[in-house]
PDB file of N, CA and C in Angstrom:
ATOM      1  N   MET A   1       0.936  -1.151  -0.164  1.00  0.00           N
ATOM      2  CA  MET A   1       0.094  -0.017   0.113  1.00  0.00           C
ATOM      3  C   MET A   1       0.726   1.344  -0.177  1.00  0.00           C
ATOM      4  N   GLU A   2       1.835   1.414   0.952  1.00  0.00           N
ATOM      5  CA  GLU A   2       2.574   2.596   0.872  1.00  0.00           C
ATOM      6  C   GLU A   2       3.387   2.541  -0.294  1.00  0.00           C
ATOM      7  N   ASN A   3       4.090   1.518  -1.230  1.00  0.00           N
ATOM      8  CA  ASN A   3       4.608   1.926  -2.234  1.00  0.00           C
ATOM      9  C   ASN A   3       3.726   2.294  -3.356  1.00  0.00           C
ATOM     10  N   GLU A   4       2.373   1.889  -3.303  1.00  0.00           N
ATOM     11  CA  GLU A   4       1.641   2.333  -4.353  1.00  0.00           C
ATOM     12  C   GLU A   4       1.146   3.953  -3.956  1.00  0.00           C
ATOM     13  N   ASN A   5       0.872   4.370  -2.647  1.00  0.00           N
ATOM     14  CA  ASN A   5       1.220   5.705  -2.293  1.00  0.00           C
ATOM     15  C   ASN A   5       2.106   6.483  -2.946  1.00  0.00           C
ATOM     16  N   ASN A   6       3.147   6.115  -2.779  1.00  0.00           N
ATOM     17  CA  ASN A   6       4.745   6.701  -3.357  1.00  0.00           C
ATOM     18  C   ASN A   6       4.637   7.141  -4.737  1.00  0.00           C
ATOM     19  N   GLU A   7       3.819   5.713  -5.535  1.00  0.00           N
ATOM     20  CA  GLU A   7       3.905   5.712  -7.049  1.00  0.00           C
ATOM     21  C   GLU A   7       2.897   6.783  -7.414  1.00  0.00           C
ATOM     22  N   ILE A   8       1.655   6.922  -6.747  1.00  0.00           N
ATOM     23  CA  ILE A   8       0.751   8.018  -7.056  1.00  0.00           C
ATOM     24  C   ILE A   8       1.194   9.472  -6.881  1.00  0.00           C
ATOM     25  N   LEU A   9       2.029   9.514  -5.694  1.00  0.00           N
ATOM     26  CA  LEU A   9       2.630  10.928  -5.415  1.00  0.00           C
ATOM     27  C   LEU A   9       3.811  11.259  -6.442  1.00  0.00           C
ATOM     28  N   ALA A  10       4.615  10.643  -6.964  1.00  0.00           N
ATOM     29  CA  ALA A  10       5.436  10.812  -7.845  1.00  0.00           C
ATOM     30  C   ALA A  10       4.876  10.997  -9.066  1.00  0.00           C
ATOM     31  N   LYS A  11       3.919  10.284  -9.617  1.00  0.00           N
ATOM     32  CA  LYS A  11       3.048  10.560 -10.669  1.00  0.00           C
ATOM     33  C   LYS A  11       2.501  12.061 -10.890  1.00  0.00           C
ATOM     34  N   LEU A  12       1.898  11.970  -9.862  1.00  0.00           N
ATOM     35  CA  LEU A  12       1.036  13.412  -9.557  1.00  0.00           C
ATOM     36  C   LEU A  12       2.429  14.745  -9.595  1.00  0.00           C
ATOM     37  N   GLY A  13       3.102  14.575  -8.400  1.00  0.00           N
ATOM     38  CA  GLY A  13       4.265  15.215  -8.614  1.00  0.00           C
ATOM     39  C   GLY A  13       4.947  15.796 -10.105  1.00  0.00           C
ATOM     40  N   GLN A  14       5.150  14.632 -10.847  1.00  0.00           N
ATOM     41  CA  GLN A  14       5.495  14.949 -12.137  1.00  0.00           C
ATOM     42  C   GLN A  14       4.607  15.745 -13.303  1.00  0.00           C
ATOM     43  N   THR A  15       3.303  15.126 -12.743  1.00  0.00           N
ATOM     44  CA  THR A  15       2.278  16.038 -13.849  1.00  0.00           C
ATOM     45  C   THR A  15       2.156  17.512 -13.289  1.00  0.00           C
ATOM     46  N   ILE A  16       2.272  18.015 -12.230  1.00  0.00           N
ATOM     47  CA  ILE A  16       2.456  19.388 -11.741  1.00  0.00           C
ATOM     48  C   ILE A  16       3.693  19.927 -12.294  1.00  0.00           C
ATOM     49  N   LYS A  17       4.876  19.351 -12.095  1.00  0.00           N
ATOM     50  CA  LYS A  17       5.928  20.101 -12.456  1.00  0.00           C
ATOM     51  C   LYS A  17       5.857  20.039 -14.005  1.00  0.00           C
ATOM     52  N   GLN A  18       5.537  19.322 -14.836  1.00  0.00           N
ATOM     53  CA  GLN A  18       5.388  19.302 -16.226  1.00  0.00           C
ATOM     54  C   GLN A  18       4.671  20.652 -16.748  1.00  0.00           C
ATOM     55  N   VAL A  19       3.530  20.667 -15.900  1.00  0.00           N
ATOM     56  CA  VAL A  19       2.627  21.644 -16.083  1.00  0.00           C
ATOM     57  C   VAL A  19       3.352  23.403 -15.872  1.00  0.00           C
ATOM     58  N   ARG A  20       3.847  23.219 -15.107  1.00  0.00           N
ATOM     59  CA  ARG A  20       4.466  24.369 -14.448  1.00  0.00           C
ATOM     60  C   ARG A  20       5.807  24.721 -15.626  1.00  0.00           C
ATOM     61  N   ILE A  21       6.164  23.673 -15.659  1.00  0.00           N
ATOM     62  CA  ILE A  21       7.385  23.905 -16.707  1.00  0.00           C
ATOM     63  C   ILE A  21       7.013  24.464 -18.235  1.00  0.00           C
ATOM     64  N   ASN A  22       5.812  23.977 -18.496  1.00  0.00           N
ATOM     65  CA  ASN A  22       5.271  24.050 -19.890  1.00  0.00           C
ATOM     66  C   ASN A  22       4.506  25.730 -19.891  1.00  0.00           C
ATOM     67  N   LYS A  23       4.162  26.158 -18.730  1.00  0.00           N
ATOM     68  CA  LYS A  23       3.395  27.165 -18.379  1.00  0.00           C
ATOM     69  C   LYS A  23       4.961  28.670 -18.304  1.00  0.00           C
ATOM     70  N   LYS A  24       6.084  28.136 -18.302  1.00  0.00           N
ATOM     71  CA  LYS A  24       7.148  28.620 -17.805  1.00  0.00           C
ATOM     72  C   LYS A  24       7.170  29.296 -16.509  1.00  0.00           C
ATOM     73  N   LEU A  25       6.473  28.842 -15.446  1.00  0.00           N
ATOM     74  CA  LEU A  25       6.448  29.314 -14.117  1.00  0.00           C
ATOM     75  C   LEU A  25       7.496  29.087 -13.485  1.00  0.00           C
ATOM     76  N   THR A  26       8.379  29.606 -12.780  1.00  0.00           N
ATOM     77  CA  THR A  26       9.272  29.399 -11.852  1.00  0.00           C
ATOM     78  C   THR A  26       8.341  28.758 -10.328  1.00  0.00           C
ATOM     79  N   LEU A  27       9.359  28.230  -9.577  1.00  0.00           N
ATOM     80  CA  LEU A  27       8.673  27.961  -8.316  1.00  0.00           C
ATOM     81  C   LEU A  27       8.239  29.189  -7.273  1.00  0.00           C
ATOM     82  N   LEU A  28       9.248  29.728  -7.764  1.00  0.00           N
ATOM     83  CA  LEU A  28       8.764  31.514  -6.714  1.00  0.00           C
ATOM     84  C   LEU A  28       7.484  31.927  -7.301  1.00  0.00           C
ATOM     85  N   GLU A  29       7.595  31.984  -8.719  1.00  0.00           N
ATOM     86  CA  GLU A  29       6.142  32.326  -9.187  1.00  0.00           C
ATOM     87  C   GLU A  29       4.842  31.477  -9.243  1.00  0.00           C
ATOM     88  N   LEU A  30       4.667  30.163  -8.651  1.00  0.00           N
ATOM     89  CA  LEU A  30       4.021  29.468  -8.478  1.00  0.00           C
ATOM     90  C   LEU A  30       3.696  29.760  -6.996  1.00  0.00           C
ATOM     91  N   GLU A  31       4.504  30.157  -6.132  1.00  0.00           N
ATOM     92  CA  GLU A  31       4.459  30.150  -4.679  1.00  0.00           C
ATOM     93  C   GLU A  31       3.510  31.413  -4.504  1.00  0.00           C
ATOM     94  N   VAL A  32       3.921  32.384  -5.317  1.00  0.00           N
ATOM     95  CA  VAL A  32       3.357  33.753  -5.254  1.00  0.00           C
ATOM     96  C   VAL A  32       1.526  33.691  -5.597  1.00  0.00           C
ATOM     97  N   ARG A  33       1.366  32.847  -6.544  1.00  0.00           N
ATOM     98  CA  ARG A  33      -0.058  32.545  -7.107  1.00  0.00           C
ATOM     99  C   ARG A  33      -0.645  31.572  -6.009  1.00  0.00           C
ATOM    100  N   THR A  34      -0.224  30.606  -5.426  1.00  0.00           N
ATOM    101  CA  THR A  34      -0.981  29.612  -4.455  1.00  0.00           C
ATOM    102  C   THR A  34      -0.543  30.021  -3.044  1.00  0.00           C
ATOM    103  N   GLY A  35       0.516  30.703  -2.600  1.00  0.00           N
ATOM    104  CA  GLY A  35       0.797  30.672  -1.334  1.00  0.00           C
ATOM    105  C   GLY A  35       1.327  29.265  -0.687  1.00  0.00           C
ATOM    106  N   ILE A  36       1.768  28.410  -1.563  1.00  0.00           N
ATOM    107  CA  ILE A  36       2.386  27.260  -1.060  1.00  0.00           C
ATOM    108  C   ILE A  36       3.949  27.715  -1.347  1.00  0.00           C
ATOM    109  N   SER A  37       4.541  27.491  -0.257  1.00  0.00           N
ATOM    110  CA  SER A  37       6.135  27.629  -0.308  1.00  0.00           C
ATOM    111  C   SER A  37       6.809  27.197  -1.387  1.00  0.00           C
ATOM    112  N   GLU A  38       7.833  27.674  -2.023  1.00  0.00           N
ATOM    113  CA  GLU A  38       8.543  26.917  -3.122  1.00  0.00           C
ATOM    114  C   GLU A  38       9.232  25.772  -2.492  1.00  0.00           C
ATOM    115  N   GLY A  39       9.604  25.642  -1.254  1.00  0.00           N
ATOM    116  CA  GLY A  39      10.025  24.161  -0.842  1.00  0.00           C
ATOM    117  C   GLY A  39       8.895  22.925  -0.751  1.00  0.00           C
ATOM    118  N   GLY A  40       7.681  23.749  -0.548  1.00  0.00           N
ATOM    119  CA  GLY A  40       6.788  22.958  -0.107  1.00  0.00           C
ATOM    120  C   GLY A  40       6.173  22.105  -1.918  1.00  0.00           C
ATOM    121  N   ILE A  41       6.308  23.382  -2.877  1.00  0.00           N
ATOM    122  CA  ILE A  41       6.012  22.561  -4.151  1.00  0.00           C
ATOM    123  C   ILE A  41       7.281  21.800  -4.744  1.00  0.00           C
ATOM    124  N   SER A  42       8.378  21.812  -4.266  1.00  0.00           N
ATOM    125  CA  SER A  42       9.319  21.125  -4.823  1.00  0.00           C
ATOM    126  C   SER A  42       9.495  19.687  -4.257  1.00  0.00           C
ATOM    127  N   LYS A  43       8.750  19.856  -3.067  1.00  0.00           N
ATOM    128  CA  LYS A  43       8.644  18.711  -2.248  1.00  0.00           C
ATOM    129  C   LYS A  43       7.214  17.818  -3.023  1.00  0.00           C
ATOM    130  N   ILE A  44       6.208  18.426  -2.987  1.00  0.00           N
ATOM    131  CA  ILE A  44       5.302  17.812  -4.125  1.00  0.00           C
ATOM    132  C   ILE A  44       5.545  17.610  -5.628  1.00  0.00           C
ATOM    133  N   GLU A  45       6.285  18.353  -6.216  1.00  0.00           N
ATOM    134  CA  GLU A  45       6.891  17.907  -7.407  1.00  0.00           C
ATOM    135  C   GLU A  45       7.580  16.560  -7.443  1.00  0.00           C
ATOM    136  N   ASN A  46       8.470  16.781  -6.285  1.00  0.00           N
ATOM    137  CA  ASN A  46       9.318  15.212  -6.242  1.00  0.00           C
ATOM    138  C   ASN A  46       8.482  14.186  -5.602  1.00  0.00           C
ATOM    139  N   GLY A  47       7.426  14.350  -5.555  1.00  0.00           N
ATOM    140  CA  GLY A  47       6.708  13.161  -4.909  1.00  0.00           C
ATOM    141  C   GLY A  47       7.092  12.842  -3.496  1.00  0.00           C
ATOM    142  N   LYS A  48       7.426  13.903  -2.688  1.00  0.00           N
ATOM    143  CA  LYS A  48       7.916  13.646  -1.250  1.00  0.00           C
ATOM    144  C   LYS A  48       7.053  14.226  -0.285  1.00  0.00           C
ATOM    145  N   LYS A  49       5.750  14.850  -0.771  1.00  0.00           N
ATOM    146  CA  LYS A  49       4.909  15.189   0.449  1.00  0.00           C
ATOM    147  C   LYS A  49       3.468  14.923  -0.222  1.00  0.00           C
ATOM    148  N   ASN A  50       2.986  14.150   0.743  1.00  0.00           N
ATOM    149  CA  ASN A  50       1.276  13.960   0.529  1.00  0.00           C
ATOM    150  C   ASN A  50       0.762  15.350   0.588  1.00  0.00           C
ATOM    151  N   LEU A  51      -0.135  15.457  -0.213  1.00  0.00           N
ATOM    152  CA  LEU A  51      -0.838  16.860  -0.377  1.00  0.00           C
ATOM    153  C   LEU A  51      -2.550  16.825  -0.072  1.00  0.00           C
ATOM    154  N   ALA A  52      -2.864  17.692   0.419  1.00  0.00           N
ATOM    155  CA  ALA A  52      -4.521  17.912   0.952  1.00  0.00           C
ATOM    156  C   ALA A  52      -5.254  18.230  -0.526  1.00  0.00           C
ATOM    157  N   VAL A  53      -6.432  17.932  -0.473  1.00  0.00           N
ATOM    158  CA  VAL A  53      -7.221  18.262  -1.553  1.00  0.00           C
ATOM    159  C   VAL A  53      -7.316  19.655  -1.402  1.00  0.00           C
ATOM    160  N   THR A  54      -7.063  20.717  -0.654  1.00  0.00           N
ATOM    161  CA  THR A  54      -7.255  21.968  -0.714  1.00  0.00           C
ATOM    162  C   THR A  54      -5.797  22.311  -1.430  1.00  0.00           C
ATOM    163  N   THR A  55      -4.921  21.883  -1.107  1.00  0.00           N
ATOM    164  CA  THR A  55      -3.405  22.061  -1.570  1.00  0.00           C
ATOM    165  C   THR A  55      -3.456  21.878  -3.108  1.00  0.00           C
ATOM    166  N   LEU A  56      -4.218  20.653  -3.497  1.00  0.00           N
ATOM    167  CA  LEU A  56      -4.282  20.313  -5.089  1.00  0.00           C
ATOM    168  C   LEU A  56      -5.253  21.703  -5.631  1.00  0.00           C
ATOM    169  N   ILE A  57      -6.261  21.856  -5.167  1.00  0.00           N
ATOM    170  CA  ILE A  57      -6.958  22.847  -5.941  1.00  0.00           C
ATOM    171  C   ILE A  57      -6.312  24.191  -5.463  1.00  0.00           C
ATOM    172  N   LYS A  58      -5.259  24.416  -4.881  1.00  0.00           N
ATOM    173  CA  LYS A  58      -4.521  25.838  -4.976  1.00  0.00           C
ATOM    174  C   LYS A  58      -3.639  25.756  -6.083  1.00  0.00           C
ATOM    175  N   LEU A  59      -2.936  24.761  -6.203  1.00  0.00           N
ATOM    176  CA  LEU A  59      -1.820  24.293  -7.480  1.00  0.00           C
ATOM    177  C   LEU A  59      -2.615  24.603  -8.676  1.00  0.00           C
ATOM    178  N   ALA A  60      -3.940  23.672  -9.268  1.00  0.00           N
ATOM    179  CA  ALA A  60      -4.580  23.532 -10.455  1.00  0.00           C
ATOM    180  C   ALA A  60      -5.068  25.513 -10.546  1.00  0.00           C
ATOM    181  N   LYS A  61      -5.484  26.174  -9.535  1.00  0.00           N
ATOM    182  CA  LYS A  61      -5.677  27.478  -9.885  1.00  0.00           C
ATOM    183  C   LYS A  61      -4.400  28.322 -10.364  1.00  0.00           C
ATOM    184  N   GLY A  62      -3.409  28.063  -9.051  1.00  0.00           N
ATOM    185  CA  GLY A  62      -2.132  28.760  -9.758  1.00  0.00           C
ATOM    186  C   GLY A  62      -1.470  28.468 -11.159  1.00  0.00           C
ATOM    187  N   LEU A  63      -2.145  27.113 -11.630  1.00  0.00           N
ATOM    188  CA  LEU A  63      -1.408  26.871 -12.588  1.00  0.00           C
ATOM    189  C   LEU A  63      -2.442  27.359 -13.855  1.00  0.00           C
ATOM    190  N   GLU A  64      -3.640  27.763 -13.546  1.00  0.00           N
ATOM    191  CA  GLU A  64      -4.679  28.108 -14.433  1.00  0.00           C
ATOM    192  C   GLU A  64      -5.041  27.130 -15.485  1.00  0.00           C
ATOM    193  N   ILE A  65      -5.446  26.060 -14.480  1.00  0.00           N
ATOM    194  CA  ILE A  65      -5.962  24.772 -15.370  1.00  0.00           C
ATOM    195  C   ILE A  65      -6.916  24.005 -14.507  1.00  0.00           C
ATOM    196  N   PRO A  66      -7.947  23.400 -15.189  1.00  0.00           N
ATOM    197  CA  PRO A  66      -8.912  22.657 -14.434  1.00  0.00           C
ATOM    198  C   PRO A  66      -7.927  21.310 -13.275  1.00  0.00           C
ATOM    199  N   LEU A  67      -8.784  21.457 -12.261  1.00  0.00           N
ATOM    200  CA  LEU A  67      -8.286  20.215 -11.240  1.00  0.00           C
ATOM    201  C   LEU A  67      -8.144  19.101 -11.851  1.00  0.00           C
ATOM    202  N   SER A  68      -9.022  18.519 -12.869  1.00  0.00           N
ATOM    203  CA  SER A  68      -9.164  17.403 -13.412  1.00  0.00           C
ATOM    204  C   SER A  68      -7.957  16.944 -14.231  1.00  0.00           C
ATOM    205  N   GLU A  69      -7.527  17.932 -14.717  1.00  0.00           N
ATOM    206  CA  GLU A  69      -6.196  17.817 -15.678  1.00  0.00           C
ATOM    207  C   GLU A  69      -5.120  17.553 -14.928  1.00  0.00           C
ATOM    208  N   LEU A  70      -5.070  17.667 -13.715  1.00  0.00           N
ATOM    209  CA  LEU A  70      -4.017  17.157 -12.978  1.00  0.00           C
ATOM    210  C   LEU A  70      -4.224  15.452 -12.784  1.00  0.00           C
ATOM    211  N   LEU A  71      -5.440  15.104 -12.576  1.00  0.00           N
ATOM    212  CA  LEU A  71      -5.826  13.629 -12.461  1.00  0.00           C
ATOM    213  C   LEU A  71      -6.163  12.939 -13.680  1.00  0.00           C
ATOM    214  N   LEU A  72      -5.643  13.565 -14.547  1.00  0.00           N
ATOM    215  CA  LEU A  72      -6.145  12.503 -15.983  1.00  0.00           C
ATOM    216  C   LEU A  72      -5.600  10.954 -15.972  1.00  0.00           C
ATOM    217  N   ASP A  73      -4.550  11.039 -15.412  1.00  0.00           N
ATOM    218  CA  ASP A  73      -3.273   9.801 -15.453  1.00  0.00           C
ATOM    219  C   ASP A  73      -3.819   8.870 -14.232  1.00  0.00           C
ATOM    220  N   PHE A  74      -4.903   8.979 -13.596  1.00  0.00           N
ATOM    221  CA  PHE A  74      -5.494   8.018 -12.483  1.00  0.00           C
ATOM    222  C   PHE A  74      -6.721   7.577 -12.648  1.00  0.00           C
TER     223      PHE A  74
END
């Protein structure tokens, strides 16, 4: 179960990072848009931090994409 959770977090983090890079946003710019620290975003992108639904919603809003786009691969 823990391994499956780690895989999910890694995949979600990769998706968030790819969207951020595609939109040419730095970690700092996304921090300003979301209120989530650069370090927190980095941990999420690297699959090292489990995130609440509210955090996921903030990230989607900050990236200016529908929440569903972050979850397409699940």
